[in-house]
Amino acid sequence: SKWGGIFTDDQMAATMIDRLVYHGH
C-alpha cells in the first residue's frame, strides 16, 4: 500500500504489484 509513494505514481506501483503477485508468493 506504500509503494505508490515511492514509485512515480500509484498506477505504476499497482501494475508492478499485479505482475509480481500473479505468479508469486
PDBML (XML) file of the C-alpha atoms, coordinates in Angstrom:
<?xml version="1.0" encoding="UTF-8" ?>
<PDBx:datablock datablockName="MODEL"
   xmlns:PDBx="http://pdbml.pdb.org/schema/pdbx-v50.xsd"
   xmlns:xsi="http://www.w3.org/2001/XMLSchema-instance"
   xsi:schemaLocation="http://pdbml.pdb.org/schema/pdbx-v50.xsd pdbx-v50.xsd">
   <PDBx:atom_siteCategory>
      <PDBx:atom_site id="1">
         <PDBx:B_iso_or_equiv>0.00</PDBx:B_iso_or_equiv>
         <PDBx:Cartn_x>0.000</PDBx:Cartn_x>
         <PDBx:Cartn_y>0.000</PDBx:Cartn_y>
         <PDBx:Cartn_z>0.000</PDBx:Cartn_z>
         <PDBx:auth_asym_id>A</PDBx:auth_asym_id>
         <PDBx:auth_atom_id>CA</PDBx:auth_atom_id>
         <PDBx:auth_comp_id>SER</PDBx:auth_comp_id>
         <PDBx:auth_seq_id>1</PDBx:auth_seq_id>
         <PDBx:group_PDB>ATOM</PDBx:group_PDB>
         <PDBx:label_alt_id xsi:nil="true" />
         <PDBx:label_asym_id>A</PDBx:label_asym_id>
         <PDBx:label_atom_id>CA</PDBx:label_atom_id>
         <PDBx:label_comp_id>SER</PDBx:label_comp_id>
         <PDBx:label_entity_id>1</PDBx:label_entity_id>
         <PDBx:label_seq_id>1</PDBx:label_seq_id>
         <PDBx:occupancy>1.00</PDBx:occupancy>
         <PDBx:pdbx_PDB_model_num>1</PDBx:pdbx_PDB_model_num>
         <PDBx:type_symbol>C</PDBx:type_symbol>
      </PDBx:atom_site>
      <PDBx:atom_site id="2">
         <PDBx:B_iso_or_equiv>0.00</PDBx:B_iso_or_equiv>
         <PDBx:Cartn_x>3.004</PDBx:Cartn_x>
         <PDBx:Cartn_y>2.328</PDBx:Cartn_y>
         <PDBx:Cartn_z>0.370</PDBx:Cartn_z>
         <PDBx:auth_asym_id>A</PDBx:auth_asym_id>
         <PDBx:auth_atom_id>CA</PDBx:auth_atom_id>
         <PDBx:auth_comp_id>LYS</PDBx:auth_comp_id>
         <PDBx:auth_seq_id>2</PDBx:auth_seq_id>
         <PDBx:group_PDB>ATOM</PDBx:group_PDB>
         <PDBx:label_alt_id xsi:nil="true" />
         <PDBx:label_asym_id>A</PDBx:label_asym_id>
         <PDBx:label_atom_id>CA</PDBx:label_atom_id>
         <PDBx:label_comp_id>LYS</PDBx:label_comp_id>
         <PDBx:label_entity_id>1</PDBx:label_entity_id>
         <PDBx:label_seq_id>2</PDBx:label_seq_id>
         <PDBx:occupancy>1.00</PDBx:occupancy>
         <PDBx:pdbx_PDB_model_num>1</PDBx:pdbx_PDB_model_num>
         <PDBx:type_symbol>C</PDBx:type_symbol>
      </PDBx:atom_site>
      <PDBx:atom_site id="3">
         <PDBx:B_iso_or_equiv>0.00</PDBx:B_iso_or_equiv>
         <PDBx:Cartn_x>4.627</PDBx:Cartn_x>
         <PDBx:Cartn_y>1.545</PDBx:Cartn_y>
         <PDBx:Cartn_z>-2.991</PDBx:Cartn_z>
         <PDBx:auth_asym_id>A</PDBx:auth_asym_id>
         <PDBx:auth_atom_id>CA</PDBx:auth_atom_id>
         <PDBx:auth_comp_id>TRP</PDBx:auth_comp_id>
         <PDBx:auth_seq_id>3</PDBx:auth_seq_id>
         <PDBx:group_PDB>ATOM</PDBx:group_PDB>
         <PDBx:label_alt_id xsi:nil="true" />
         <PDBx:label_asym_id>A</PDBx:label_asym_id>
         <PDBx:label_atom_id>CA</PDBx:label_atom_id>
         <PDBx:label_comp_id>TRP</PDBx:label_comp_id>
         <PDBx:label_entity_id>1</PDBx:label_entity_id>
         <PDBx:label_seq_id>3</PDBx:label_seq_id>
         <PDBx:occupancy>1.00</PDBx:occupancy>
         <PDBx:pdbx_PDB_model_num>1</PDBx:pdbx_PDB_model_num>
         <PDBx:type_symbol>C</PDBx:type_symbol>
      </PDBx:atom_site>
      <PDBx:atom_site id="4">
         <PDBx:B_iso_or_equiv>0.00</PDBx:B_iso_or_equiv>
         <PDBx:Cartn_x>2.734</PDBx:Cartn_x>
         <PDBx:Cartn_y>4.364</PDBx:Cartn_y>
         <PDBx:Cartn_z>-4.727</PDBx:Cartn_z>
         <PDBx:auth_asym_id>A</PDBx:auth_asym_id>
         <PDBx:auth_atom_id>CA</PDBx:auth_atom_id>
         <PDBx:auth_comp_id>GLY</PDBx:auth_comp_id>
         <PDBx:auth_seq_id>4</PDBx:auth_seq_id>
         <PDBx:group_PDB>ATOM</PDBx:group_PDB>
         <PDBx:label_alt_id xsi:nil="true" />
         <PDBx:label_asym_id>A</PDBx:label_asym_id>
         <PDBx:label_atom_id>CA</PDBx:label_atom_id>
         <PDBx:label_comp_id>GLY</PDBx:label_comp_id>
         <PDBx:label_entity_id>1</PDBx:label_entity_id>
         <PDBx:label_seq_id>4</PDBx:label_seq_id>
         <PDBx:occupancy>1.00</PDBx:occupancy>
         <PDBx:pdbx_PDB_model_num>1</PDBx:pdbx_PDB_model_num>
         <PDBx:type_symbol>C</PDBx:type_symbol>
      </PDBx:atom_site>
      <PDBx:atom_site id="5">
         <PDBx:B_iso_or_equiv>0.00</PDBx:B_iso_or_equiv>
         <PDBx:Cartn_x>4.595</PDBx:Cartn_x>
         <PDBx:Cartn_y>6.931</PDBx:Cartn_y>
         <PDBx:Cartn_z>-2.641</PDBx:Cartn_z>
         <PDBx:auth_asym_id>A</PDBx:auth_asym_id>
         <PDBx:auth_atom_id>CA</PDBx:auth_atom_id>
         <PDBx:auth_comp_id>GLY</PDBx:auth_comp_id>
         <PDBx:auth_seq_id>5</PDBx:auth_seq_id>
         <PDBx:group_PDB>ATOM</PDBx:group_PDB>
         <PDBx:label_alt_id xsi:nil="true" />
         <PDBx:label_asym_id>A</PDBx:label_asym_id>
         <PDBx:label_atom_id>CA</PDBx:label_atom_id>
         <PDBx:label_comp_id>GLY</PDBx:label_comp_id>
         <PDBx:label_entity_id>1</PDBx:label_entity_id>
         <PDBx:label_seq_id>5</PDBx:label_seq_id>
         <PDBx:occupancy>1.00</PDBx:occupancy>
         <PDBx:pdbx_PDB_model_num>1</PDBx:pdbx_PDB_model_num>
         <PDBx:type_symbol>C</PDBx:type_symbol>
      </PDBx:atom_site>
      <PDBx:atom_site id="6">
         <PDBx:B_iso_or_equiv>0.00</PDBx:B_iso_or_equiv>
         <PDBx:Cartn_x>7.966</PDBx:Cartn_x>
         <PDBx:Cartn_y>5.540</PDBx:Cartn_y>
         <PDBx:Cartn_z>-3.723</PDBx:Cartn_z>
         <PDBx:auth_asym_id>A</PDBx:auth_asym_id>
         <PDBx:auth_atom_id>CA</PDBx:auth_atom_id>
         <PDBx:auth_comp_id>ILE</PDBx:auth_comp_id>
         <PDBx:auth_seq_id>6</PDBx:auth_seq_id>
         <PDBx:group_PDB>ATOM</PDBx:group_PDB>
         <PDBx:label_alt_id xsi:nil="true" />
         <PDBx:label_asym_id>A</PDBx:label_asym_id>
         <PDBx:label_atom_id>CA</PDBx:label_atom_id>
         <PDBx:label_comp_id>ILE</PDBx:label_comp_id>
         <PDBx:label_entity_id>1</PDBx:label_entity_id>
         <PDBx:label_seq_id>6</PDBx:label_seq_id>
         <PDBx:occupancy>1.00</PDBx:occupancy>
         <PDBx:pdbx_PDB_model_num>1</PDBx:pdbx_PDB_model_num>
         <PDBx:type_symbol>C</PDBx:type_symbol>
      </PDBx:atom_site>
      <PDBx:atom_site id="7">
         <PDBx:B_iso_or_equiv>0.00</PDBx:B_iso_or_equiv>
         <PDBx:Cartn_x>7.284</PDBx:Cartn_x>
         <PDBx:Cartn_y>4.921</PDBx:Cartn_y>
         <PDBx:Cartn_z>-7.394</PDBx:Cartn_z>
         <PDBx:auth_asym_id>A</PDBx:auth_asym_id>
         <PDBx:auth_atom_id>CA</PDBx:auth_atom_id>
         <PDBx:auth_comp_id>PHE</PDBx:auth_comp_id>
         <PDBx:auth_seq_id>7</PDBx:auth_seq_id>
         <PDBx:group_PDB>ATOM</PDBx:group_PDB>
         <PDBx:label_alt_id xsi:nil="true" />
         <PDBx:label_asym_id>A</PDBx:label_asym_id>
         <PDBx:label_atom_id>CA</PDBx:label_atom_id>
         <PDBx:label_comp_id>PHE</PDBx:label_comp_id>
         <PDBx:label_entity_id>1</PDBx:label_entity_id>
         <PDBx:label_seq_id>7</PDBx:label_seq_id>
         <PDBx:occupancy>1.00</PDBx:occupancy>
         <PDBx:pdbx_PDB_model_num>1</PDBx:pdbx_PDB_model_num>
         <PDBx:type_symbol>C</PDBx:type_symbol>
      </PDBx:atom_site>
      <PDBx:atom_site id="8">
         <PDBx:B_iso_or_equiv>0.00</PDBx:B_iso_or_equiv>
         <PDBx:Cartn_x>6.334</PDBx:Cartn_x>
         <PDBx:Cartn_y>7.521</PDBx:Cartn_y>
         <PDBx:Cartn_z>-9.983</PDBx:Cartn_z>
         <PDBx:auth_asym_id>A</PDBx:auth_asym_id>
         <PDBx:auth_atom_id>CA</PDBx:auth_atom_id>
         <PDBx:auth_comp_id>THR</PDBx:auth_comp_id>
         <PDBx:auth_seq_id>8</PDBx:auth_seq_id>
         <PDBx:group_PDB>ATOM</PDBx:group_PDB>
         <PDBx:label_alt_id xsi:nil="true" />
         <PDBx:label_asym_id>A</PDBx:label_asym_id>
         <PDBx:label_atom_id>CA</PDBx:label_atom_id>
         <PDBx:label_comp_id>THR</PDBx:label_comp_id>
         <PDBx:label_entity_id>1</PDBx:label_entity_id>
         <PDBx:label_seq_id>8</PDBx:label_seq_id>
         <PDBx:occupancy>1.00</PDBx:occupancy>
         <PDBx:pdbx_PDB_model_num>1</PDBx:pdbx_PDB_model_num>
         <PDBx:type_symbol>C</PDBx:type_symbol>
      </PDBx:atom_site>
      <PDBx:atom_site id="9">
         <PDBx:B_iso_or_equiv>0.00</PDBx:B_iso_or_equiv>
         <PDBx:Cartn_x>2.621</PDBx:Cartn_x>
         <PDBx:Cartn_y>7.019</PDBx:Cartn_y>
         <PDBx:Cartn_z>-9.363</PDBx:Cartn_z>
         <PDBx:auth_asym_id>A</PDBx:auth_asym_id>
         <PDBx:auth_atom_id>CA</PDBx:auth_atom_id>
         <PDBx:auth_comp_id>ASP</PDBx:auth_comp_id>
         <PDBx:auth_seq_id>9</PDBx:auth_seq_id>
         <PDBx:group_PDB>ATOM</PDBx:group_PDB>
         <PDBx:label_alt_id xsi:nil="true" />
         <PDBx:label_asym_id>A</PDBx:label_asym_id>
         <PDBx:label_atom_id>CA</PDBx:label_atom_id>
         <PDBx:label_comp_id>ASP</PDBx:label_comp_id>
         <PDBx:label_entity_id>1</PDBx:label_entity_id>
         <PDBx:label_seq_id>9</PDBx:label_seq_id>
         <PDBx:occupancy>1.00</PDBx:occupancy>
         <PDBx:pdbx_PDB_model_num>1</PDBx:pdbx_PDB_model_num>
         <PDBx:type_symbol>C</PDBx:type_symbol>
      </PDBx:atom_site>
      <PDBx:atom_site id="10">
         <PDBx:B_iso_or_equiv>0.00</PDBx:B_iso_or_equiv>
         <PDBx:Cartn_x>0.052</PDBx:Cartn_x>
         <PDBx:Cartn_y>4.709</PDBx:Cartn_y>
         <PDBx:Cartn_z>-7.845</PDBx:Cartn_z>
         <PDBx:auth_asym_id>A</PDBx:auth_asym_id>
         <PDBx:auth_atom_id>CA</PDBx:auth_atom_id>
         <PDBx:auth_comp_id>ASP</PDBx:auth_comp_id>
         <PDBx:auth_seq_id>10</PDBx:auth_seq_id>
         <PDBx:group_PDB>ATOM</PDBx:group_PDB>
         <PDBx:label_alt_id xsi:nil="true" />
         <PDBx:label_asym_id>A</PDBx:label_asym_id>
         <PDBx:label_atom_id>CA</PDBx:label_atom_id>
         <PDBx:label_comp_id>ASP</PDBx:label_comp_id>
         <PDBx:label_entity_id>1</PDBx:label_entity_id>
         <PDBx:label_seq_id>10</PDBx:label_seq_id>
         <PDBx:occupancy>1.00</PDBx:occupancy>
         <PDBx:pdbx_PDB_model_num>1</PDBx:pdbx_PDB_model_num>
         <PDBx:type_symbol>C</PDBx:type_symbol>
      </PDBx:atom_site>
      <PDBx:atom_site id="11">
         <PDBx:B_iso_or_equiv>0.00</PDBx:B_iso_or_equiv>
         <PDBx:Cartn_x>-0.831</PDBx:Cartn_x>
         <PDBx:Cartn_y>3.188</PDBx:Cartn_y>
         <PDBx:Cartn_z>-11.232</PDBx:Cartn_z>
         <PDBx:auth_asym_id>A</PDBx:auth_asym_id>
         <PDBx:auth_atom_id>CA</PDBx:auth_atom_id>
         <PDBx:auth_comp_id>GLN</PDBx:auth_comp_id>
         <PDBx:auth_seq_id>11</PDBx:auth_seq_id>
         <PDBx:group_PDB>ATOM</PDBx:group_PDB>
         <PDBx:label_alt_id xsi:nil="true" />
         <PDBx:label_asym_id>A</PDBx:label_asym_id>
         <PDBx:label_atom_id>CA</PDBx:label_atom_id>
         <PDBx:label_comp_id>GLN</PDBx:label_comp_id>
         <PDBx:label_entity_id>1</PDBx:label_entity_id>
         <PDBx:label_seq_id>11</PDBx:label_seq_id>
         <PDBx:occupancy>1.00</PDBx:occupancy>
         <PDBx:pdbx_PDB_model_num>1</PDBx:pdbx_PDB_model_num>
         <PDBx:type_symbol>C</PDBx:type_symbol>
      </PDBx:atom_site>
      <PDBx:atom_site id="12">
         <PDBx:B_iso_or_equiv>0.00</PDBx:B_iso_or_equiv>
         <PDBx:Cartn_x>2.760</PDBx:Cartn_x>
         <PDBx:Cartn_y>2.113</PDBx:Cartn_y>
         <PDBx:Cartn_z>-11.934</PDBx:Cartn_z>
         <PDBx:auth_asym_id>A</PDBx:auth_asym_id>
         <PDBx:auth_atom_id>CA</PDBx:auth_atom_id>
         <PDBx:auth_comp_id>MET</PDBx:auth_comp_id>
         <PDBx:auth_seq_id>12</PDBx:auth_seq_id>
         <PDBx:group_PDB>ATOM</PDBx:group_PDB>
         <PDBx:label_alt_id xsi:nil="true" />
         <PDBx:label_asym_id>A</PDBx:label_asym_id>
         <PDBx:label_atom_id>CA</PDBx:label_atom_id>
         <PDBx:label_comp_id>MET</PDBx:label_comp_id>
         <PDBx:label_entity_id>1</PDBx:label_entity_id>
         <PDBx:label_seq_id>12</PDBx:label_seq_id>
         <PDBx:occupancy>1.00</PDBx:occupancy>
         <PDBx:pdbx_PDB_model_num>1</PDBx:pdbx_PDB_model_num>
         <PDBx:type_symbol>C</PDBx:type_symbol>
      </PDBx:atom_site>
      <PDBx:atom_site id="13">
         <PDBx:B_iso_or_equiv>0.00</PDBx:B_iso_or_equiv>
         <PDBx:Cartn_x>3.052</PDBx:Cartn_x>
         <PDBx:Cartn_y>0.651</PDBx:Cartn_y>
         <PDBx:Cartn_z>-8.443</PDBx:Cartn_z>
         <PDBx:auth_asym_id>A</PDBx:auth_asym_id>
         <PDBx:auth_atom_id>CA</PDBx:auth_atom_id>
         <PDBx:auth_comp_id>ALA</PDBx:auth_comp_id>
         <PDBx:auth_seq_id>13</PDBx:auth_seq_id>
         <PDBx:group_PDB>ATOM</PDBx:group_PDB>
         <PDBx:label_alt_id xsi:nil="true" />
         <PDBx:label_asym_id>A</PDBx:label_asym_id>
         <PDBx:label_atom_id>CA</PDBx:label_atom_id>
         <PDBx:label_comp_id>ALA</PDBx:label_comp_id>
         <PDBx:label_entity_id>1</PDBx:label_entity_id>
         <PDBx:label_seq_id>13</PDBx:label_seq_id>
         <PDBx:occupancy>1.00</PDBx:occupancy>
         <PDBx:pdbx_PDB_model_num>1</PDBx:pdbx_PDB_model_num>
         <PDBx:type_symbol>C</PDBx:type_symbol>
      </PDBx:atom_site>
      <PDBx:atom_site id="14">
         <PDBx:B_iso_or_equiv>0.00</PDBx:B_iso_or_equiv>
         <PDBx:Cartn_x>-0.242</PDBx:Cartn_x>
         <PDBx:Cartn_y>-1.236</PDBx:Cartn_y>
         <PDBx:Cartn_z>-8.893</PDBx:Cartn_z>
         <PDBx:auth_asym_id>A</PDBx:auth_asym_id>
         <PDBx:auth_atom_id>CA</PDBx:auth_atom_id>
         <PDBx:auth_comp_id>ALA</PDBx:auth_comp_id>
         <PDBx:auth_seq_id>14</PDBx:auth_seq_id>
         <PDBx:group_PDB>ATOM</PDBx:group_PDB>
         <PDBx:label_alt_id xsi:nil="true" />
         <PDBx:label_asym_id>A</PDBx:label_asym_id>
         <PDBx:label_atom_id>CA</PDBx:label_atom_id>
         <PDBx:label_comp_id>ALA</PDBx:label_comp_id>
         <PDBx:label_entity_id>1</PDBx:label_entity_id>
         <PDBx:label_seq_id>14</PDBx:label_seq_id>
         <PDBx:occupancy>1.00</PDBx:occupancy>
         <PDBx:pdbx_PDB_model_num>1</PDBx:pdbx_PDB_model_num>
         <PDBx:type_symbol>C</PDBx:type_symbol>
      </PDBx:atom_site>
      <PDBx:atom_site id="15">
         <PDBx:B_iso_or_equiv>0.00</PDBx:B_iso_or_equiv>
         <PDBx:Cartn_x>0.936</PDBx:Cartn_x>
         <PDBx:Cartn_y>-2.606</PDBx:Cartn_y>
         <PDBx:Cartn_z>-12.248</PDBx:Cartn_z>
         <PDBx:auth_asym_id>A</PDBx:auth_asym_id>
         <PDBx:auth_atom_id>CA</PDBx:auth_atom_id>
         <PDBx:auth_comp_id>THR</PDBx:auth_comp_id>
         <PDBx:auth_seq_id>15</PDBx:auth_seq_id>
         <PDBx:group_PDB>ATOM</PDBx:group_PDB>
         <PDBx:label_alt_id xsi:nil="true" />
         <PDBx:label_asym_id>A</PDBx:label_asym_id>
         <PDBx:label_atom_id>CA</PDBx:label_atom_id>
         <PDBx:label_comp_id>THR</PDBx:label_comp_id>
         <PDBx:label_entity_id>1</PDBx:label_entity_id>
         <PDBx:label_seq_id>15</PDBx:label_seq_id>
         <PDBx:occupancy>1.00</PDBx:occupancy>
         <PDBx:pdbx_PDB_model_num>1</PDBx:pdbx_PDB_model_num>
         <PDBx:type_symbol>C</PDBx:type_symbol>
      </PDBx:atom_site>
      <PDBx:atom_site id="16">
         <PDBx:B_iso_or_equiv>0.00</PDBx:B_iso_or_equiv>
         <PDBx:Cartn_x>4.215</PDBx:Cartn_x>
         <PDBx:Cartn_y>-3.834</PDBx:Cartn_y>
         <PDBx:Cartn_z>-10.734</PDBx:Cartn_z>
         <PDBx:auth_asym_id>A</PDBx:auth_asym_id>
         <PDBx:auth_atom_id>CA</PDBx:auth_atom_id>
         <PDBx:auth_comp_id>MET</PDBx:auth_comp_id>
         <PDBx:auth_seq_id>16</PDBx:auth_seq_id>
         <PDBx:group_PDB>ATOM</PDBx:group_PDB>
         <PDBx:label_alt_id xsi:nil="true" />
         <PDBx:label_asym_id>A</PDBx:label_asym_id>
         <PDBx:label_atom_id>CA</PDBx:label_atom_id>
         <PDBx:label_comp_id>MET</PDBx:label_comp_id>
         <PDBx:label_entity_id>1</PDBx:label_entity_id>
         <PDBx:label_seq_id>16</PDBx:label_seq_id>
         <PDBx:occupancy>1.00</PDBx:occupancy>
         <PDBx:pdbx_PDB_model_num>1</PDBx:pdbx_PDB_model_num>
         <PDBx:type_symbol>C</PDBx:type_symbol>
      </PDBx:atom_site>
      <PDBx:atom_site id="17">
         <PDBx:B_iso_or_equiv>0.00</PDBx:B_iso_or_equiv>
         <PDBx:Cartn_x>2.456</PDBx:Cartn_x>
         <PDBx:Cartn_y>-5.427</PDBx:Cartn_y>
         <PDBx:Cartn_z>-7.781</PDBx:Cartn_z>
         <PDBx:auth_asym_id>A</PDBx:auth_asym_id>
         <PDBx:auth_atom_id>CA</PDBx:auth_atom_id>
         <PDBx:auth_comp_id>ILE</PDBx:auth_comp_id>
         <PDBx:auth_seq_id>17</PDBx:auth_seq_id>
         <PDBx:group_PDB>ATOM</PDBx:group_PDB>
         <PDBx:label_alt_id xsi:nil="true" />
         <PDBx:label_asym_id>A</PDBx:label_asym_id>
         <PDBx:label_atom_id>CA</PDBx:label_atom_id>
         <PDBx:label_comp_id>ILE</PDBx:label_comp_id>
         <PDBx:label_entity_id>1</PDBx:label_entity_id>
         <PDBx:label_seq_id>17</PDBx:label_seq_id>
         <PDBx:occupancy>1.00</PDBx:occupancy>
         <PDBx:pdbx_PDB_model_num>1</PDBx:pdbx_PDB_model_num>
         <PDBx:type_symbol>C</PDBx:type_symbol>
      </PDBx:atom_site>
      <PDBx:atom_site id="18">
         <PDBx:B_iso_or_equiv>0.00</PDBx:B_iso_or_equiv>
         <PDBx:Cartn_x>-0.038</PDBx:Cartn_x>
         <PDBx:Cartn_y>-7.116</PDBx:Cartn_y>
         <PDBx:Cartn_z>-10.102</PDBx:Cartn_z>
         <PDBx:auth_asym_id>A</PDBx:auth_asym_id>
         <PDBx:auth_atom_id>CA</PDBx:auth_atom_id>
         <PDBx:auth_comp_id>ASP</PDBx:auth_comp_id>
         <PDBx:auth_seq_id>18</PDBx:auth_seq_id>
         <PDBx:group_PDB>ATOM</PDBx:group_PDB>
         <PDBx:label_alt_id xsi:nil="true" />
         <PDBx:label_asym_id>A</PDBx:label_asym_id>
         <PDBx:label_atom_id>CA</PDBx:label_atom_id>
         <PDBx:label_comp_id>ASP</PDBx:label_comp_id>
         <PDBx:label_entity_id>1</PDBx:label_entity_id>
         <PDBx:label_seq_id>18</PDBx:label_seq_id>
         <PDBx:occupancy>1.00</PDBx:occupancy>
         <PDBx:pdbx_PDB_model_num>1</PDBx:pdbx_PDB_model_num>
         <PDBx:type_symbol>C</PDBx:type_symbol>
      </PDBx:atom_site>
      <PDBx:atom_site id="19">
         <PDBx:B_iso_or_equiv>0.00</PDBx:B_iso_or_equiv>
         <PDBx:Cartn_x>2.749</PDBx:Cartn_x>
         <PDBx:Cartn_y>-8.650</PDBx:Cartn_y>
         <PDBx:Cartn_z>-12.206</PDBx:Cartn_z>
         <PDBx:auth_asym_id>A</PDBx:auth_asym_id>
         <PDBx:auth_atom_id>CA</PDBx:auth_atom_id>
         <PDBx:auth_comp_id>ARG</PDBx:auth_comp_id>
         <PDBx:auth_seq_id>19</PDBx:auth_seq_id>
         <PDBx:group_PDB>ATOM</PDBx:group_PDB>
         <PDBx:label_alt_id xsi:nil="true" />
         <PDBx:label_asym_id>A</PDBx:label_asym_id>
         <PDBx:label_atom_id>CA</PDBx:label_atom_id>
         <PDBx:label_comp_id>ARG</PDBx:label_comp_id>
         <PDBx:label_entity_id>1</PDBx:label_entity_id>
         <PDBx:label_seq_id>19</PDBx:label_seq_id>
         <PDBx:occupancy>1.00</PDBx:occupancy>
         <PDBx:pdbx_PDB_model_num>1</PDBx:pdbx_PDB_model_num>
         <PDBx:type_symbol>C</PDBx:type_symbol>
      </PDBx:atom_site>
      <PDBx:atom_site id="20">
         <PDBx:B_iso_or_equiv>0.00</PDBx:B_iso_or_equiv>
         <PDBx:Cartn_x>4.714</PDBx:Cartn_x>
         <PDBx:Cartn_y>-9.749</PDBx:Cartn_y>
         <PDBx:Cartn_z>-9.160</PDBx:Cartn_z>
         <PDBx:auth_asym_id>A</PDBx:auth_asym_id>
         <PDBx:auth_atom_id>CA</PDBx:auth_atom_id>
         <PDBx:auth_comp_id>LEU</PDBx:auth_comp_id>
         <PDBx:auth_seq_id>20</PDBx:auth_seq_id>
         <PDBx:group_PDB>ATOM</PDBx:group_PDB>
         <PDBx:label_alt_id xsi:nil="true" />
         <PDBx:label_asym_id>A</PDBx:label_asym_id>
         <PDBx:label_atom_id>CA</PDBx:label_atom_id>
         <PDBx:label_comp_id>LEU</PDBx:label_comp_id>
         <PDBx:label_entity_id>1</PDBx:label_entity_id>
         <PDBx:label_seq_id>20</PDBx:label_seq_id>
         <PDBx:occupancy>1.00</PDBx:occupancy>
         <PDBx:pdbx_PDB_model_num>1</PDBx:pdbx_PDB_model_num>
         <PDBx:type_symbol>C</PDBx:type_symbol>
      </PDBx:atom_site>
      <PDBx:atom_site id="21">
         <PDBx:B_iso_or_equiv>0.00</PDBx:B_iso_or_equiv>
         <PDBx:Cartn_x>1.925</PDBx:Cartn_x>
         <PDBx:Cartn_y>-11.459</PDBx:Cartn_y>
         <PDBx:Cartn_z>-7.252</PDBx:Cartn_z>
         <PDBx:auth_asym_id>A</PDBx:auth_asym_id>
         <PDBx:auth_atom_id>CA</PDBx:auth_atom_id>
         <PDBx:auth_comp_id>VAL</PDBx:auth_comp_id>
         <PDBx:auth_seq_id>21</PDBx:auth_seq_id>
         <PDBx:group_PDB>ATOM</PDBx:group_PDB>
         <PDBx:label_alt_id xsi:nil="true" />
         <PDBx:label_asym_id>A</PDBx:label_asym_id>
         <PDBx:label_atom_id>CA</PDBx:label_atom_id>
         <PDBx:label_comp_id>VAL</PDBx:label_comp_id>
         <PDBx:label_entity_id>1</PDBx:label_entity_id>
         <PDBx:label_seq_id>21</PDBx:label_seq_id>
         <PDBx:occupancy>1.00</PDBx:occupancy>
         <PDBx:pdbx_PDB_model_num>1</PDBx:pdbx_PDB_model_num>
         <PDBx:type_symbol>C</PDBx:type_symbol>
      </PDBx:atom_site>
      <PDBx:atom_site id="22">
         <PDBx:B_iso_or_equiv>0.00</PDBx:B_iso_or_equiv>
         <PDBx:Cartn_x>0.111</PDBx:Cartn_x>
         <PDBx:Cartn_y>-13.102</PDBx:Cartn_y>
         <PDBx:Cartn_z>-10.181</PDBx:Cartn_z>
         <PDBx:auth_asym_id>A</PDBx:auth_asym_id>
         <PDBx:auth_atom_id>CA</PDBx:auth_atom_id>
         <PDBx:auth_comp_id>TYR</PDBx:auth_comp_id>
         <PDBx:auth_seq_id>22</PDBx:auth_seq_id>
         <PDBx:group_PDB>ATOM</PDBx:group_PDB>
         <PDBx:label_alt_id xsi:nil="true" />
         <PDBx:label_asym_id>A</PDBx:label_asym_id>
         <PDBx:label_atom_id>CA</PDBx:label_atom_id>
         <PDBx:label_comp_id>TYR</PDBx:label_comp_id>
         <PDBx:label_entity_id>1</PDBx:label_entity_id>
         <PDBx:label_seq_id>22</PDBx:label_seq_id>
         <PDBx:occupancy>1.00</PDBx:occupancy>
         <PDBx:pdbx_PDB_model_num>1</PDBx:pdbx_PDB_model_num>
         <PDBx:type_symbol>C</PDBx:type_symbol>
      </PDBx:atom_site>
      <PDBx:atom_site id="23">
         <PDBx:B_iso_or_equiv>0.00</PDBx:B_iso_or_equiv>
         <PDBx:Cartn_x>2.687</PDBx:Cartn_x>
         <PDBx:Cartn_y>-15.911</PDBx:Cartn_y>
         <PDBx:Cartn_z>-10.348</PDBx:Cartn_z>
         <PDBx:auth_asym_id>A</PDBx:auth_asym_id>
         <PDBx:auth_atom_id>CA</PDBx:auth_atom_id>
         <PDBx:auth_comp_id>HIS</PDBx:auth_comp_id>
         <PDBx:auth_seq_id>23</PDBx:auth_seq_id>
         <PDBx:group_PDB>ATOM</PDBx:group_PDB>
         <PDBx:label_alt_id xsi:nil="true" />
         <PDBx:label_asym_id>A</PDBx:label_asym_id>
         <PDBx:label_atom_id>CA</PDBx:label_atom_id>
         <PDBx:label_comp_id>HIS</PDBx:label_comp_id>
         <PDBx:label_entity_id>1</PDBx:label_entity_id>
         <PDBx:label_seq_id>23</PDBx:label_seq_id>
         <PDBx:occupancy>1.00</PDBx:occupancy>
         <PDBx:pdbx_PDB_model_num>1</PDBx:pdbx_PDB_model_num>
         <PDBx:type_symbol>C</PDBx:type_symbol>
      </PDBx:atom_site>
      <PDBx:atom_site id="24">
         <PDBx:B_iso_or_equiv>0.00</PDBx:B_iso_or_equiv>
         <PDBx:Cartn_x>4.302</PDBx:Cartn_x>
         <PDBx:Cartn_y>-15.285</PDBx:Cartn_y>
         <PDBx:Cartn_z>-6.997</PDBx:Cartn_z>
         <PDBx:auth_asym_id>A</PDBx:auth_asym_id>
         <PDBx:auth_atom_id>CA</PDBx:auth_atom_id>
         <PDBx:auth_comp_id>GLY</PDBx:auth_comp_id>
         <PDBx:auth_seq_id>24</PDBx:auth_seq_id>
         <PDBx:group_PDB>ATOM</PDBx:group_PDB>
         <PDBx:label_alt_id xsi:nil="true" />
         <PDBx:label_asym_id>A</PDBx:label_asym_id>
         <PDBx:label_atom_id>CA</PDBx:label_atom_id>
         <PDBx:label_comp_id>GLY</PDBx:label_comp_id>
         <PDBx:label_entity_id>1</PDBx:label_entity_id>
         <PDBx:label_seq_id>24</PDBx:label_seq_id>
         <PDBx:occupancy>1.00</PDBx:occupancy>
         <PDBx:pdbx_PDB_model_num>1</PDBx:pdbx_PDB_model_num>
         <PDBx:type_symbol>C</PDBx:type_symbol>
      </PDBx:atom_site>
      <PDBx:atom_site id="25">
         <PDBx:B_iso_or_equiv>0.00</PDBx:B_iso_or_equiv>
         <PDBx:Cartn_x>4.478</PDBx:Cartn_x>
         <PDBx:Cartn_y>-15.907</PDBx:Cartn_y>
         <PDBx:Cartn_z>-3.289</PDBx:Cartn_z>
         <PDBx:auth_asym_id>A</PDBx:auth_asym_id>
         <PDBx:auth_atom_id>CA</PDBx:auth_atom_id>
         <PDBx:auth_comp_id>HIS</PDBx:auth_comp_id>
         <PDBx:auth_seq_id>25</PDBx:auth_seq_id>
         <PDBx:group_PDB>ATOM</PDBx:group_PDB>
         <PDBx:label_alt_id xsi:nil="true" />
         <PDBx:label_asym_id>A</PDBx:label_asym_id>
         <PDBx:label_atom_id>CA</PDBx:label_atom_id>
         <PDBx:label_comp_id>HIS</PDBx:label_comp_id>
         <PDBx:label_entity_id>1</PDBx:label_entity_id>
         <PDBx:label_seq_id>25</PDBx:label_seq_id>
         <PDBx:occupancy>1.00</PDBx:occupancy>
         <PDBx:pdbx_PDB_model_num>1</PDBx:pdbx_PDB_model_num>
         <PDBx:type_symbol>C</PDBx:type_symbol>
      </PDBx:atom_site>
   </PDBx:atom_siteCategory>
</PDBx:datablock>
